[in-house]
Amino acid sequence: MTDFNRHPSSYHHWQLQIDGDIANLRMNVDAAHPYKPGYESRQPR
């Protein structure tokens, strides 16, 4: 089961940038930090 109760510092794939009233959320997949042990991240073609 996926547990979403975690501290934001544990997110390896998301980057949040706040500039005044504007916030940007970017996804940057890091294959060195898979979803689960043994899970292989796939890159889009």
PDB file of N, CA and C in Angstrom:
ATOM      1  N   MET A   1       0.843  -1.170   0.000  1.00  0.00           N
ATOM      2  CA  MET A   1       0.000   0.000   0.000  1.00  0.00           C
ATOM      3  C   MET A   1       0.899   1.248   0.000  1.00  0.00           C
ATOM      4  N   THR A   2       0.504   2.239  -0.732  1.00  0.00           N
ATOM      5  CA  THR A   2       1.255   3.490  -0.797  1.00  0.00           C
ATOM      6  C   THR A   2       0.884   4.375   0.380  1.00  0.00           C
ATOM      7  N   ASP A   3       1.895   4.899   1.057  1.00  0.00           N
ATOM      8  CA  ASP A   3       1.686   5.795   2.198  1.00  0.00           C
ATOM      9  C   ASP A   3       2.078   7.211   1.776  1.00  0.00           C
ATOM     10  N   PHE A   4       1.106   8.111   1.731  1.00  0.00           N
ATOM     11  CA  PHE A   4       1.363   9.487   1.318  1.00  0.00           C
ATOM     12  C   PHE A   4       1.695  10.407   2.490  1.00  0.00           C
ATOM     13  N   ASN A   5       1.754   9.865   3.696  1.00  0.00           N
ATOM     14  CA  ASN A   5       2.067  10.641   4.890  1.00  0.00           C
ATOM     15  C   ASN A   5       3.580  10.687   5.051  1.00  0.00           C
ATOM     16  N   ARG A   6       4.210  11.661   4.392  1.00  0.00           N
ATOM     17  CA  ARG A   6       5.672  11.753   4.436  1.00  0.00           C
ATOM     18  C   ARG A   6       6.097  13.212   4.358  1.00  0.00           C
ATOM     19  N   HIS A   7       7.310  13.459   4.793  1.00  0.00           N
ATOM     20  CA  HIS A   7       7.861  14.817   4.772  1.00  0.00           C
ATOM     21  C   HIS A   7       8.293  15.166   3.350  1.00  0.00           C
ATOM     22  N   PRO A   8       8.042  16.402   2.897  1.00  0.00           N
ATOM     23  CA  PRO A   8       8.415  16.799   1.531  1.00  0.00           C
ATOM     24  C   PRO A   8       9.895  16.608   1.190  1.00  0.00           C
ATOM     25  N   SER A   9      10.779  16.610   2.169  1.00  0.00           N
ATOM     26  CA  SER A   9      12.204  16.430   1.880  1.00  0.00           C
ATOM     27  C   SER A   9      12.505  15.024   1.344  1.00  0.00           C
ATOM     28  N   SER A  10      11.563  14.089   1.502  1.00  0.00           N
ATOM     29  CA  SER A  10      11.781  12.730   1.004  1.00  0.00           C
ATOM     30  C   SER A  10      11.376  12.578  -0.457  1.00  0.00           C
ATOM     31  N   TYR A  11      10.815  13.614  -1.066  1.00  0.00           N
ATOM     32  CA  TYR A  11      10.412  13.542  -2.479  1.00  0.00           C
ATOM     33  C   TYR A  11      11.629  13.756  -3.363  1.00  0.00           C
ATOM     34  N   HIS A  12      12.008  12.744  -4.107  1.00  0.00           N
ATOM     35  CA  HIS A  12      13.194  12.827  -4.950  1.00  0.00           C
ATOM     36  C   HIS A  12      12.875  13.269  -6.371  1.00  0.00           C
ATOM     37  N   HIS A  13      11.622  13.156  -6.787  1.00  0.00           N
ATOM     38  CA  HIS A  13      11.263  13.399  -8.173  1.00  0.00           C
ATOM     39  C   HIS A  13      10.570  14.741  -8.412  1.00  0.00           C
ATOM     40  N   TRP A  14      10.257  15.461  -7.370  1.00  0.00           N
ATOM     41  CA  TRP A  14       9.505  16.711  -7.507  1.00  0.00           C
ATOM     42  C   TRP A  14      10.331  17.891  -7.008  1.00  0.00           C
ATOM     43  N   GLN A  15      10.250  18.998  -7.748  1.00  0.00           N
ATOM     44  CA  GLN A  15      10.934  20.224  -7.357  1.00  0.00           C
ATOM     45  C   GLN A  15       9.894  21.345  -7.333  1.00  0.00           C
ATOM     46  N   LEU A  16       9.757  22.006  -6.202  1.00  0.00           N
ATOM     47  CA  LEU A  16       8.824  23.114  -6.053  1.00  0.00           C
ATOM     48  C   LEU A  16       9.607  24.410  -5.972  1.00  0.00           C
ATOM     49  N   GLN A  17       9.246  25.342  -6.853  1.00  0.00           N
ATOM     50  CA  GLN A  17       9.877  26.661  -6.863  1.00  0.00           C
ATOM     51  C   GLN A  17       8.779  27.702  -6.682  1.00  0.00           C
ATOM     52  N   ILE A  18       8.941  28.578  -5.697  1.00  0.00           N
ATOM     53  CA  ILE A  18       7.954  29.623  -5.421  1.00  0.00           C
ATOM     54  C   ILE A  18       8.603  30.977  -5.650  1.00  0.00           C
ATOM     55  N   ASP A  19       7.933  31.795  -6.460  1.00  0.00           N
ATOM     56  CA  ASP A  19       8.411  33.135  -6.771  1.00  0.00           C
ATOM     57  C   ASP A  19       7.240  34.095  -6.603  1.00  0.00           C
ATOM     58  N   GLY A  20       7.109  34.662  -5.421  1.00  0.00           N
ATOM     59  CA  GLY A  20       5.972  35.552  -5.142  1.00  0.00           C
ATOM     60  C   GLY A  20       4.667  34.788  -5.179  1.00  0.00           C
ATOM     61  N   ASP A  21       3.761  35.206  -6.070  1.00  0.00           N
ATOM     62  CA  ASP A  21       2.455  34.561  -6.192  1.00  0.00           C
ATOM     63  C   ASP A  21       2.464  33.371  -7.156  1.00  0.00           C
ATOM     64  N   ILE A  22       3.594  33.073  -7.743  1.00  0.00           N
ATOM     65  CA  ILE A  22       3.672  32.012  -8.740  1.00  0.00           C
ATOM     66  C   ILE A  22       4.477  30.838  -8.187  1.00  0.00           C
ATOM     67  N   ALA A  23       3.900  29.651  -8.318  1.00  0.00           N
ATOM     68  CA  ALA A  23       4.583  28.424  -7.901  1.00  0.00           C
ATOM     69  C   ALA A  23       4.706  27.494  -9.098  1.00  0.00           C
ATOM     70  N   ASN A  24       5.860  26.888  -9.255  1.00  0.00           N
ATOM     71  CA  ASN A  24       6.096  25.909 -10.316  1.00  0.00           C
ATOM     72  C   ASN A  24       6.449  24.581  -9.677  1.00  0.00           C
ATOM     73  N   LEU A  25       5.765  23.531 -10.105  1.00  0.00           N
ATOM     74  CA  LEU A  25       6.040  22.178  -9.640  1.00  0.00           C
ATOM     75  C   LEU A  25       6.566  21.393 -10.834  1.00  0.00           C
ATOM     76  N   ARG A  26       7.781  20.883 -10.701  1.00  0.00           N
ATOM     77  CA  ARG A  26       8.422  20.172 -11.801  1.00  0.00           C
ATOM     78  C   ARG A  26       8.730  18.744 -11.389  1.00  0.00           C
ATOM     79  N   MET A  27       8.538  17.850 -12.354  1.00  0.00           N
ATOM     80  CA  MET A  27       8.871  16.447 -12.125  1.00  0.00           C
ATOM     81  C   MET A  27      10.190  16.154 -12.820  1.00  0.00           C
ATOM     82  N   ASN A  28      11.114  15.567 -12.076  1.00  0.00           N
ATOM     83  CA  ASN A  28      12.422  15.203 -12.597  1.00  0.00           C
ATOM     84  C   ASN A  28      12.740  13.810 -12.063  1.00  0.00           C
ATOM     85  N   VAL A  29      12.454  12.791 -12.864  1.00  0.00           N
ATOM     86  CA  VAL A  29      12.613  11.406 -12.412  1.00  0.00           C
ATOM     87  C   VAL A  29      14.086  11.083 -12.196  1.00  0.00           C
ATOM     88  N   ASP A  30      14.384  10.573 -11.025  1.00  0.00           N
ATOM     89  CA  ASP A  30      15.742  10.172 -10.661  1.00  0.00           C
ATOM     90  C   ASP A  30      15.748   8.649 -10.521  1.00  0.00           C
ATOM     91  N   ALA A  31      16.328   7.968 -11.500  1.00  0.00           N
ATOM     92  CA  ALA A  31      16.332   6.499 -11.502  1.00  0.00           C
ATOM     93  C   ALA A  31      17.048   5.911 -10.288  1.00  0.00           C
ATOM     94  N   ALA A  32      17.893   6.691  -9.633  1.00  0.00           N
ATOM     95  CA  ALA A  32      18.607   6.210  -8.445  1.00  0.00           C
ATOM     96  C   ALA A  32      17.691   6.120  -7.218  1.00  0.00           C
ATOM     97  N   HIS A  33      16.481   6.673  -7.306  1.00  0.00           N
ATOM     98  CA  HIS A  33      15.516   6.625  -6.202  1.00  0.00           C
ATOM     99  C   HIS A  33      14.183   6.072  -6.717  1.00  0.00           C
ATOM    100  N   PRO A  34      14.083   4.742  -6.884  1.00  0.00           N
ATOM    101  CA  PRO A  34      12.861   4.149  -7.416  1.00  0.00           C
ATOM    102  C   PRO A  34      11.698   4.248  -6.435  1.00  0.00           C
ATOM    103  N   TYR A  35      10.499   4.060  -6.976  1.00  0.00           N
ATOM    104  CA  TYR A  35       9.265   4.083  -6.187  1.00  0.00           C
ATOM    105  C   TYR A  35       9.318   3.068  -5.053  1.00  0.00           C
ATOM    106  N   LYS A  36       9.738   1.864  -5.384  1.00  0.00           N
ATOM    107  CA  LYS A  36       9.895   0.780  -4.413  1.00  0.00           C
ATOM    108  C   LYS A  36      11.197   0.049  -4.733  1.00  0.00           C
ATOM    109  N   PRO A  37      11.806  -0.620  -3.770  1.00  0.00           N
ATOM    110  CA  PRO A  37      13.004  -1.408  -4.068  1.00  0.00           C
ATOM    111  C   PRO A  37      12.710  -2.416  -5.193  1.00  0.00           C
ATOM    112  N   GLY A  38      13.577  -2.447  -6.185  1.00  0.00           N
ATOM    113  CA  GLY A  38      13.395  -3.360  -7.305  1.00  0.00           C
ATOM    114  C   GLY A  38      12.565  -2.788  -8.440  1.00  0.00           C
ATOM    115  N   TYR A  39      11.930  -1.626  -8.222  1.00  0.00           N
ATOM    116  CA  TYR A  39      11.108  -0.997  -9.258  1.00  0.00           C
ATOM    117  C   TYR A  39      12.017  -0.256 -10.229  1.00  0.00           C
ATOM    118  N   GLU A  40      11.780  -0.442 -11.533  1.00  0.00           N
ATOM    119  CA  GLU A  40      12.597   0.214 -12.552  1.00  0.00           C
ATOM    120  C   GLU A  40      11.824   1.378 -13.152  1.00  0.00           C
ATOM    121  N   SER A  41      12.401   2.581 -13.063  1.00  0.00           N
ATOM    122  CA  SER A  41      11.775   3.755 -13.662  1.00  0.00           C
ATOM    123  C   SER A  41      11.967   3.694 -15.167  1.00  0.00           C
ATOM    124  N   ARG A  42      10.907   4.042 -15.890  1.00  0.00           N
ATOM    125  CA  ARG A  42      10.979   4.055 -17.352  1.00  0.00           C
ATOM    126  C   ARG A  42      10.913   5.475 -17.857  1.00  0.00           C
ATOM    127  N   GLN A  43      11.712   5.755 -18.850  1.00  0.00           N
ATOM    128  CA  GLN A  43      11.734   7.086 -19.469  1.00  0.00           C
ATOM    129  C   GLN A  43      10.774   7.070 -20.660  1.00  0.00           C
ATOM    130  N   PRO A  44      10.012   8.150 -20.858  1.00  0.00           N
ATOM    131  CA  PRO A  44       9.141   8.205 -22.036  1.00  0.00           C
ATOM    132  C   PRO A  44       9.966   8.248 -23.315  1.00  0.00           C
ATOM    133  N   ARG A  45       9.399   7.739 -24.386  1.00  0.00           N
ATOM    134  CA  ARG A  45      10.116   7.726 -25.677  1.00  0.00           C
ATOM    135  C   ARG A  45       9.811   8.952 -26.471  1.00  0.00           C
TER     136      ARG A  45
END
